[in-house]
């Protein structure tokens, strides 16, 4: 992962309780979280002010429960978030092994962190209505981004809709590449016909976060459009999804 520092493990991970995690006082002594001012303790702060008042590091500290003998759970999570550029999406892309490189994070804590990230992603996805209207590139992006944001390989999807642009089915077409050989446009058309779909949006991700379409993307778009036109299916768009932006062939006047 870019811009991430690895911290060596100098002792068994998952060690230390909150009563052993340390903070330096004004006289140079170390204080455990239990000795912090009550307004600084994450659990008490959440109970008093609500979860929105806490930083990401403080919320994560509540989840892991303890840090290491040398730093509190909050300081440990501040270090992790700093290495992720304070981006929760970046945090969610780490592996259990990545997280265990931090002193004080063992398998249990790493699993807890990634489980929380996955729940956040699922909450975002569930906020989208069951059969959303996907009549714009922005709507297509908002629907697909939660499903694609953590992928490290390319996936291609066909979004099959009725005449009112209501989603009938989201069908994954390929995983690991979108070359012309990897995608059979006949499968896309077949899925649309089986669902009685009259409108189709094609969508794939760029793990590189570069929204610029390749020549291969352009050729695939034309192949899909020709197949849809032949079967009188309206190809509304081909949207390239990245983490935070998208490219729309329709908005660019290329479809």
C-alpha atoms as a PDB file:
ATOM      1  CA  UNK A   1       0.000   0.000   0.000  1.00  0.00           C
ATOM      2  CA  UNK A   2       1.340   3.442  -0.835  1.00  0.00           C
ATOM      3  CA  UNK A   3       2.608   5.803   1.888  1.00  0.00           C
ATOM      4  CA  UNK A   4       2.318   3.284   4.668  1.00  0.00           C
ATOM      5  CA  UNK A   5       5.065   2.642   7.173  1.00  0.00           C
ATOM      6  CA  UNK A   6       5.529  -0.760   8.773  1.00  0.00           C
ATOM      7  CA  UNK A   7       6.211  -0.874  12.485  1.00  0.00           C
ATOM      8  CA  UNK A   8       8.179  -3.829  13.774  1.00  0.00           C
ATOM      9  CA  UNK A   9       6.637  -6.184  16.296  1.00  0.00           C
ATOM     10  CA  UNK A  10       8.854  -6.262  19.349  1.00  0.00           C
ATOM     11  CA  UNK A  11       6.592  -8.394  21.514  1.00  0.00           C
ATOM     12  CA  UNK A  12       3.537 -10.654  21.243  1.00  0.00           C
ATOM     13  CA  UNK A  13       0.608  -8.852  19.657  1.00  0.00           C
ATOM     14  CA  UNK A  14      -2.730  -8.352  21.394  1.00  0.00           C
ATOM     15  CA  UNK A  15      -0.854  -7.800  24.615  1.00  0.00           C
ATOM     16  CA  UNK A  16      -1.707  -5.135  27.133  1.00  0.00           C
ATOM     17  CA  UNK A  17      -4.935  -3.986  28.718  1.00  0.00           C
ATOM     18  CA  UNK A  18      -6.252  -0.454  28.970  1.00  0.00           C
ATOM     19  CA  UNK A  19      -4.881  -0.307  32.498  1.00  0.00           C
ATOM     20  CA  UNK A  20      -1.391  -0.915  31.060  1.00  0.00           C
ATOM     21  CA  UNK A  21      -1.538   1.354  28.015  1.00  0.00           C
ATOM     22  CA  UNK A  22       0.440   4.504  28.602  1.00  0.00           C
ATOM     23  CA  UNK A  23       0.282   8.261  28.148  1.00  0.00           C
ATOM     24  CA  UNK A  24       2.922  10.701  29.344  1.00  0.00           C
ATOM     25  CA  UNK A  25       1.910  13.119  32.093  1.00  0.00           C
ATOM     26  CA  UNK A  26       3.324  16.592  32.589  1.00  0.00           C
ATOM     27  CA  UNK A  27       5.985  15.293  34.980  1.00  0.00           C
ATOM     28  CA  UNK A  28       7.189  12.635  32.525  1.00  0.00           C
ATOM     29  CA  UNK A  29       5.301   9.723  34.089  1.00  0.00           C
ATOM     30  CA  UNK A  30       3.058   7.462  32.012  1.00  0.00           C
ATOM     31  CA  UNK A  31      -0.700   7.309  32.528  1.00  0.00           C
ATOM     32  CA  UNK A  32      -3.084   4.488  31.646  1.00  0.00           C
ATOM     33  CA  UNK A  33      -6.357   5.289  29.897  1.00  0.00           C
ATOM     34  CA  UNK A  34      -8.103   4.761  33.228  1.00  0.00           C
ATOM     35  CA  UNK A  35      -6.043   7.664  34.575  1.00  0.00           C
ATOM     36  CA  UNK A  36      -6.950  10.018  31.754  1.00  0.00           C
ATOM     37  CA  UNK A  37      -9.417  12.800  32.393  1.00  0.00           C
ATOM     38  CA  UNK A  38     -12.891  11.319  31.978  1.00  0.00           C
ATOM     39  CA  UNK A  39     -13.696  13.611  29.052  1.00  0.00           C
ATOM     40  CA  UNK A  40     -10.715  12.141  27.167  1.00  0.00           C
ATOM     41  CA  UNK A  41     -11.643   8.476  27.605  1.00  0.00           C
ATOM     42  CA  UNK A  42     -13.234   7.167  24.380  1.00  0.00           C
ATOM     43  CA  UNK A  43     -16.009   5.082  25.956  1.00  0.00           C
ATOM     44  CA  UNK A  44     -17.049   7.792  28.386  1.00  0.00           C
ATOM     45  CA  UNK A  45     -16.804  10.411  25.656  1.00  0.00           C
ATOM     46  CA  UNK A  46     -19.112   8.399  23.395  1.00  0.00           C
ATOM     47  CA  UNK A  47     -21.614   7.861  26.198  1.00  0.00           C
ATOM     48  CA  UNK A  48     -21.600  11.555  27.017  1.00  0.00           C
ATOM     49  CA  UNK A  49     -21.468  13.144  23.558  1.00  0.00           C
ATOM     50  CA  UNK A  50     -22.494  10.398  21.126  1.00  0.00           C
ATOM     51  CA  UNK A  51     -20.421   8.553  18.498  1.00  0.00           C
ATOM     52  CA  UNK A  52     -20.262  11.487  16.074  1.00  0.00           C
ATOM     53  CA  UNK A  53     -18.104  13.423  18.550  1.00  0.00           C
ATOM     54  CA  UNK A  54     -15.309  10.842  18.410  1.00  0.00           C
ATOM     55  CA  UNK A  55     -12.484  10.685  15.906  1.00  0.00           C
ATOM     56  CA  UNK A  56     -11.960   7.597  13.766  1.00  0.00           C
ATOM     57  CA  UNK A  57      -9.013   6.634  15.968  1.00  0.00           C
ATOM     58  CA  UNK A  58     -11.126   6.912  19.112  1.00  0.00           C
ATOM     59  CA  UNK A  59     -13.901   4.759  17.649  1.00  0.00           C
ATOM     60  CA  UNK A  60     -11.387   2.127  16.569  1.00  0.00           C
ATOM     61  CA  UNK A  61      -9.781   2.235  20.017  1.00  0.00           C
ATOM     62  CA  UNK A  62     -13.115   1.305  21.570  1.00  0.00           C
ATOM     63  CA  UNK A  63     -13.303  -1.701  19.258  1.00  0.00           C
ATOM     64  CA  UNK A  64      -9.827  -3.065  19.973  1.00  0.00           C
ATOM     65  CA  UNK A  65     -10.064  -2.375  23.712  1.00  0.00           C
ATOM     66  CA  UNK A  66      -6.345  -2.082  24.433  1.00  0.00           C
ATOM     67  CA  UNK A  67      -3.094  -0.946  22.921  1.00  0.00           C
ATOM     68  CA  UNK A  68       0.391  -2.062  23.873  1.00  0.00           C
ATOM     69  CA  UNK A  69       2.529  -1.502  26.982  1.00  0.00           C
ATOM     70  CA  UNK A  70       4.085   1.481  25.204  1.00  0.00           C
ATOM     71  CA  UNK A  71       1.028   3.274  23.837  1.00  0.00           C
ATOM     72  CA  UNK A  72      -2.684   3.527  24.400  1.00  0.00           C
ATOM     73  CA  UNK A  73      -5.319   2.068  22.112  1.00  0.00           C
ATOM     74  CA  UNK A  74      -6.093   5.603  20.907  1.00  0.00           C
ATOM     75  CA  UNK A  75      -2.461   6.376  20.085  1.00  0.00           C
ATOM     76  CA  UNK A  76      -2.090   3.020  18.345  1.00  0.00           C
ATOM     77  CA  UNK A  77      -5.127   3.679  16.166  1.00  0.00           C
ATOM     78  CA  UNK A  78      -3.925   7.219  15.446  1.00  0.00           C
ATOM     79  CA  UNK A  79      -0.735   5.668  14.085  1.00  0.00           C
ATOM     80  CA  UNK A  80      -2.701   3.218  11.930  1.00  0.00           C
ATOM     81  CA  UNK A  81      -5.005   5.934  10.590  1.00  0.00           C
ATOM     82  CA  UNK A  82      -2.048   8.226   9.890  1.00  0.00           C
ATOM     83  CA  UNK A  83      -0.462   5.502   7.766  1.00  0.00           C
ATOM     84  CA  UNK A  84      -3.788   5.169   5.912  1.00  0.00           C
ATOM     85  CA  UNK A  85      -3.833   8.925   5.232  1.00  0.00           C
ATOM     86  CA  UNK A  86      -6.807   9.094   7.621  1.00  0.00           C
ATOM     87  CA  UNK A  87      -8.905   7.317   4.988  1.00  0.00           C
ATOM     88  CA  UNK A  88     -11.243   4.558   6.181  1.00  0.00           C
ATOM     89  CA  UNK A  89     -11.463   3.128   2.664  1.00  0.00           C
ATOM     90  CA  UNK A  90      -7.698   2.632   2.712  1.00  0.00           C
ATOM     91  CA  UNK A  91      -7.954   1.006   6.135  1.00  0.00           C
ATOM     92  CA  UNK A  92     -10.572  -1.418   4.813  1.00  0.00           C
ATOM     93  CA  UNK A  93      -8.212  -2.549   2.060  1.00  0.00           C
ATOM     94  CA  UNK A  94      -5.545  -3.726   4.514  1.00  0.00           C
ATOM     95  CA  UNK A  95      -5.176  -7.408   5.264  1.00  0.00           C
ATOM     96  CA  UNK A  96      -5.002  -9.112   8.644  1.00  0.00           C
ATOM     97  CA  UNK A  97      -1.276  -9.552   8.057  1.00  0.00           C
ATOM     98  CA  UNK A  98      -0.862  -5.825   7.295  1.00  0.00           C
ATOM     99  CA  UNK A  99      -2.534  -4.828  10.549  1.00  0.00           C
ATOM    100  CA  UNK A 100      -0.522  -7.283  12.598  1.00  0.00           C
ATOM    101  CA  UNK A 101       2.647  -5.393  11.685  1.00  0.00           C
ATOM    102  CA  UNK A 102       1.673  -2.845  14.309  1.00  0.00           C
ATOM    103  CA  UNK A 103       2.934  -3.504  17.818  1.00  0.00           C
ATOM    104  CA  UNK A 104      -0.114  -4.368  19.913  1.00  0.00           C
ATOM    105  CA  UNK A 105      -2.324  -5.628  17.076  1.00  0.00           C
ATOM    106  CA  UNK A 106      -2.808  -9.378  16.885  1.00  0.00           C
ATOM    107  CA  UNK A 107      -5.238 -11.518  14.868  1.00  0.00           C
ATOM    108  CA  UNK A 108      -8.248 -10.783  17.099  1.00  0.00           C
ATOM    109  CA  UNK A 109      -7.849  -7.010  16.883  1.00  0.00           C
ATOM    110  CA  UNK A 110      -7.077  -7.082  13.162  1.00  0.00           C
ATOM    111  CA  UNK A 111     -10.191  -9.160  12.486  1.00  0.00           C
ATOM    112  CA  UNK A 112     -12.291  -6.794  14.615  1.00  0.00           C
ATOM    113  CA  UNK A 113     -11.074  -3.763  12.654  1.00  0.00           C
ATOM    114  CA  UNK A 114     -11.751  -5.352   9.262  1.00  0.00           C
ATOM    115  CA  UNK A 115     -15.164  -6.610  10.407  1.00  0.00           C
ATOM    116  CA  UNK A 116     -16.095  -3.045  11.381  1.00  0.00           C
ATOM    117  CA  UNK A 117     -14.944  -1.755   7.980  1.00  0.00           C
ATOM    118  CA  UNK A 118     -17.040  -4.384   6.215  1.00  0.00           C
ATOM    119  CA  UNK A 119     -20.117  -3.477   8.269  1.00  0.00           C
ATOM    120  CA  UNK A 120     -19.654   0.156   7.281  1.00  0.00           C
ATOM    121  CA  UNK A 121     -19.461  -0.828   3.629  1.00  0.00           C
ATOM    122  CA  UNK A 122     -22.579  -2.980   3.912  1.00  0.00           C
ATOM    123  CA  UNK A 123     -24.464  -0.181   5.641  1.00  0.00           C
ATOM    124  CA  UNK A 124     -23.602   2.105   2.746  1.00  0.00           C
ATOM    125  CA  UNK A 125     -24.817  -0.490   0.261  1.00  0.00           C
ATOM    126  CA  UNK A 126     -28.035  -1.200   2.163  1.00  0.00           C
ATOM    127  CA  UNK A 127     -28.873   2.502   2.179  1.00  0.00           C
ATOM    128  CA  UNK A 128     -29.488   2.197  -1.551  1.00  0.00           C
ATOM    129  CA  UNK A 129     -33.068   1.184  -2.255  1.00  0.00           C
ATOM    130  CA  UNK A 130     -33.718  -2.393  -3.323  1.00  0.00           C
ATOM    131  CA  UNK A 131     -34.568  -1.532  -6.926  1.00  0.00           C
ATOM    132  CA  UNK A 132     -33.001   1.879  -7.497  1.00  0.00           C
ATOM    133  CA  UNK A 133     -33.508   4.053 -10.525  1.00  0.00           C
ATOM    134  CA  UNK A 134     -30.237   4.144 -12.462  1.00  0.00           C
ATOM    135  CA  UNK A 135     -30.950   6.736 -15.116  1.00  0.00           C
ATOM    136  CA  UNK A 136     -27.718   8.698 -14.639  1.00  0.00           C
ATOM    137  CA  UNK A 137     -24.010   7.995 -14.369  1.00  0.00           C
ATOM    138  CA  UNK A 138     -23.999   9.395 -10.828  1.00  0.00           C
ATOM    139  CA  UNK A 139     -26.742   6.973  -9.775  1.00  0.00           C
ATOM    140  CA  UNK A 140     -24.881   4.062 -11.361  1.00  0.00           C
ATOM    141  CA  UNK A 141     -21.685   5.094  -9.585  1.00  0.00           C
ATOM    142  CA  UNK A 142     -23.398   5.452  -6.210  1.00  0.00           C
ATOM    143  CA  UNK A 143     -24.914   1.994  -6.601  1.00  0.00           C
ATOM    144  CA  UNK A 144     -21.731   0.234  -7.700  1.00  0.00           C
ATOM    145  CA  UNK A 145     -19.061   2.052  -5.680  1.00  0.00           C
ATOM    146  CA  UNK A 146     -19.742   0.203  -2.387  1.00  0.00           C
ATOM    147  CA  UNK A 147     -19.387  -3.085  -4.253  1.00  0.00           C
ATOM    148  CA  UNK A 148     -16.159  -2.120  -5.989  1.00  0.00           C
ATOM    149  CA  UNK A 149     -14.285   0.224  -3.672  1.00  0.00           C
ATOM    150  CA  UNK A 150     -12.086  -2.449  -2.069  1.00  0.00           C
ATOM    151  CA  UNK A 151     -11.380  -4.552  -5.167  1.00  0.00           C
ATOM    152  CA  UNK A 152      -7.749  -4.948  -6.210  1.00  0.00           C
ATOM    153  CA  UNK A 153      -8.679  -6.531  -9.548  1.00  0.00           C
ATOM    154  CA  UNK A 154     -11.006  -5.435 -12.327  1.00  0.00           C
ATOM    155  CA  UNK A 155     -14.604  -6.602 -12.371  1.00  0.00           C
ATOM    156  CA  UNK A 156     -17.248  -5.979 -15.020  1.00  0.00           C
ATOM    157  CA  UNK A 157     -20.969  -5.794 -14.259  1.00  0.00           C
ATOM    158  CA  UNK A 158     -24.137  -5.494 -16.299  1.00  0.00           C
ATOM    159  CA  UNK A 159     -26.963  -3.543 -14.675  1.00  0.00           C
ATOM    160  CA  UNK A 160     -30.216  -4.739 -16.206  1.00  0.00           C
ATOM    161  CA  UNK A 161     -33.209  -2.393 -16.042  1.00  0.00           C
ATOM    162  CA  UNK A 162     -36.814  -2.069 -17.099  1.00  0.00           C
ATOM    163  CA  UNK A 163     -38.152   0.743 -19.286  1.00  0.00           C
ATOM    164  CA  UNK A 164     -38.401   3.023 -16.231  1.00  0.00           C
ATOM    165  CA  UNK A 165     -34.689   2.607 -15.447  1.00  0.00           C
ATOM    166  CA  UNK A 166     -35.504   0.520 -12.373  1.00  0.00           C
ATOM    167  CA  UNK A 167     -32.886  -2.099 -11.653  1.00  0.00           C
ATOM    168  CA  UNK A 168     -34.016  -5.664 -12.285  1.00  0.00           C
ATOM    169  CA  UNK A 169     -30.717  -7.401 -11.699  1.00  0.00           C
ATOM    170  CA  UNK A 170     -27.026  -6.615 -11.215  1.00  0.00           C
ATOM    171  CA  UNK A 171     -24.989  -9.345 -12.891  1.00  0.00           C
ATOM    172  CA  UNK A 172     -21.234  -9.734 -12.543  1.00  0.00           C
ATOM    173  CA  UNK A 173     -19.793 -10.599 -15.957  1.00  0.00           C
ATOM    174  CA  UNK A 174     -16.102 -11.024 -15.210  1.00  0.00           C
ATOM    175  CA  UNK A 175     -13.582 -10.976 -12.378  1.00  0.00           C
ATOM    176  CA  UNK A 176      -9.880 -10.321 -12.836  1.00  0.00           C
ATOM    177  CA  UNK A 177      -9.908  -8.644 -16.237  1.00  0.00           C
ATOM    178  CA  UNK A 178     -12.103  -7.034 -18.878  1.00  0.00           C
ATOM    179  CA  UNK A 179     -10.298  -7.927 -22.083  1.00  0.00           C
ATOM    180  CA  UNK A 180     -12.368  -8.801 -25.115  1.00  0.00           C
ATOM    181  CA  UNK A 181     -11.414 -12.424 -24.554  1.00  0.00           C
ATOM    182  CA  UNK A 182     -12.510 -12.275 -20.907  1.00  0.00           C
ATOM    183  CA  UNK A 183     -15.951 -10.889 -21.708  1.00  0.00           C
ATOM    184  CA  UNK A 184     -18.400 -12.536 -24.055  1.00  0.00           C
ATOM    185  CA  UNK A 185     -20.932  -9.868 -25.037  1.00  0.00           C
ATOM    186  CA  UNK A 186     -23.381 -12.647 -25.866  1.00  0.00           C
ATOM    187  CA  UNK A 187     -23.570 -13.450 -22.149  1.00  0.00           C
ATOM    188  CA  UNK A 188     -24.502  -9.844 -21.412  1.00  0.00           C
ATOM    189  CA  UNK A 189     -27.283  -9.863 -23.997  1.00  0.00           C
ATOM    190  CA  UNK A 190     -28.483 -13.284 -22.853  1.00  0.00           C
ATOM    191  CA  UNK A 191     -28.787 -12.079 -19.248  1.00  0.00           C
ATOM    192  CA  UNK A 192     -30.746  -9.038 -20.393  1.00  0.00           C
ATOM    193  CA  UNK A 193     -33.171 -11.149 -22.426  1.00  0.00           C
ATOM    194  CA  UNK A 194     -33.690 -13.623 -19.573  1.00  0.00           C
ATOM    195  CA  UNK A 195     -34.656 -10.730 -17.295  1.00  0.00           C
ATOM    196  CA  UNK A 196     -36.820  -9.033 -19.916  1.00  0.00           C
ATOM    197  CA  UNK A 197     -34.576  -5.996 -19.518  1.00  0.00           C
ATOM    198  CA  UNK A 198     -34.916  -3.234 -22.081  1.00  0.00           C
ATOM    199  CA  UNK A 199     -32.143  -0.991 -20.727  1.00  0.00           C
ATOM    200  CA  UNK A 200     -28.598  -1.963 -19.805  1.00  0.00           C
ATOM    201  CA  UNK A 201     -25.686  -0.168 -18.171  1.00  0.00           C
ATOM    202  CA  UNK A 202     -22.191  -1.613 -18.361  1.00  0.00           C
ATOM    203  CA  UNK A 203     -19.844  -0.904 -15.481  1.00  0.00           C
ATOM    204  CA  UNK A 204     -16.317  -1.834 -14.486  1.00  0.00           C
ATOM    205  CA  UNK A 205     -13.692  -0.606 -12.038  1.00  0.00           C
ATOM    206  CA  UNK A 206     -10.123   0.627 -12.358  1.00  0.00           C
ATOM    207  CA  UNK A 207      -8.178  -0.460  -9.225  1.00  0.00           C
ATOM    208  CA  UNK A 208      -5.463   2.012 -10.267  1.00  0.00           C
ATOM    209  CA  UNK A 209      -7.926   4.854  -9.490  1.00  0.00           C
ATOM    210  CA  UNK A 210      -7.279   6.293 -12.957  1.00  0.00           C
ATOM    211  CA  UNK A 211     -10.617   7.042 -14.579  1.00  0.00           C
ATOM    212  CA  UNK A 212      -9.186   7.427 -18.091  1.00  0.00           C
ATOM    213  CA  UNK A 213     -10.550   4.676 -20.366  1.00  0.00           C
ATOM    214  CA  UNK A 214      -8.100   2.537 -22.293  1.00  0.00           C
ATOM    215  CA  UNK A 215      -8.358   1.657 -25.971  1.00  0.00           C
ATOM    216  CA  UNK A 216      -9.479  -1.764 -24.786  1.00  0.00           C
ATOM    217  CA  UNK A 217     -12.287  -0.104 -22.804  1.00  0.00           C
ATOM    218  CA  UNK A 218     -13.313   1.846 -25.910  1.00  0.00           C
ATOM    219  CA  UNK A 219     -13.412  -1.269 -28.071  1.00  0.00           C
ATOM    220  CA  UNK A 220     -15.377  -3.210 -25.478  1.00  0.00           C
ATOM    221  CA  UNK A 221     -17.904  -0.380 -25.257  1.00  0.00           C
ATOM    222  CA  UNK A 222     -18.460  -0.484 -28.998  1.00  0.00           C
ATOM    223  CA  UNK A 223     -18.822  -4.274 -28.976  1.00  0.00           C
ATOM    224  CA  UNK A 224     -21.412  -4.167 -26.192  1.00  0.00           C
ATOM    225  CA  UNK A 225     -23.309  -1.346 -27.922  1.00  0.00           C
ATOM    226  CA  UNK A 226     -23.446  -3.217 -31.242  1.00  0.00           C
ATOM    227  CA  UNK A 227     -24.770  -6.341 -29.528  1.00  0.00           C
ATOM    228  CA  UNK A 228     -27.383  -4.342 -27.607  1.00  0.00           C
ATOM    229  CA  UNK A 229     -28.485  -2.424 -30.694  1.00  0.00           C
ATOM    230  CA  UNK A 230     -28.938  -5.670 -32.595  1.00  0.00           C
ATOM    231  CA  UNK A 231     -31.257  -7.002 -29.866  1.00  0.00           C
ATOM    232  CA  UNK A 232     -33.017  -3.631 -29.409  1.00  0.00           C
ATOM    233  CA  UNK A 233     -31.672  -3.169 -25.908  1.00  0.00           C
ATOM    234  CA  UNK A 234     -30.778   0.404 -24.957  1.00  0.00           C
ATOM    235  CA  UNK A 235     -27.204   0.699 -23.660  1.00  0.00           C
ATOM    236  CA  UNK A 236     -27.561   3.743 -21.454  1.00  0.00           C
ATOM    237  CA  UNK A 237     -23.929   4.034 -20.375  1.00  0.00           C
ATOM    238  CA  UNK A 238     -20.568   2.465 -19.679  1.00  0.00           C
ATOM    239  CA  UNK A 239     -19.295   3.771 -16.336  1.00  0.00           C
ATOM    240  CA  UNK A 240     -15.740   3.307 -15.086  1.00  0.00           C
ATOM    241  CA  UNK A 241     -15.672   3.301 -11.275  1.00  0.00           C
ATOM    242  CA  UNK A 242     -12.756   4.384  -9.088  1.00  0.00           C
ATOM    243  CA  UNK A 243     -12.598   5.229  -5.398  1.00  0.00           C
ATOM    244  CA  UNK A 244     -14.027   8.734  -5.406  1.00  0.00           C
ATOM    245  CA  UNK A 245     -14.633   9.422  -9.109  1.00  0.00           C
ATOM    246  CA  UNK A 246     -16.055   7.927 -12.287  1.00  0.00           C
ATOM    247  CA  UNK A 247     -15.888   8.183 -16.057  1.00  0.00           C
ATOM    248  CA  UNK A 248     -19.119   8.109 -18.056  1.00  0.00           C
ATOM    249  CA  UNK A 249     -19.089   7.380 -21.782  1.00  0.00           C
ATOM    250  CA  UNK A 250     -22.560   8.889 -21.998  1.00  0.00           C
ATOM    251  CA  UNK A 251     -21.593  12.141 -20.258  1.00  0.00           C
ATOM    252  CA  UNK A 252     -18.589  12.428 -22.553  1.00  0.00           C
ATOM    253  CA  UNK A 253     -20.811  11.995 -25.611  1.00  0.00           C
ATOM    254  CA  UNK A 254     -19.157   8.741 -26.597  1.00  0.00           C
ATOM    255  CA  UNK A 255     -22.127   6.408 -26.502  1.00  0.00           C
END
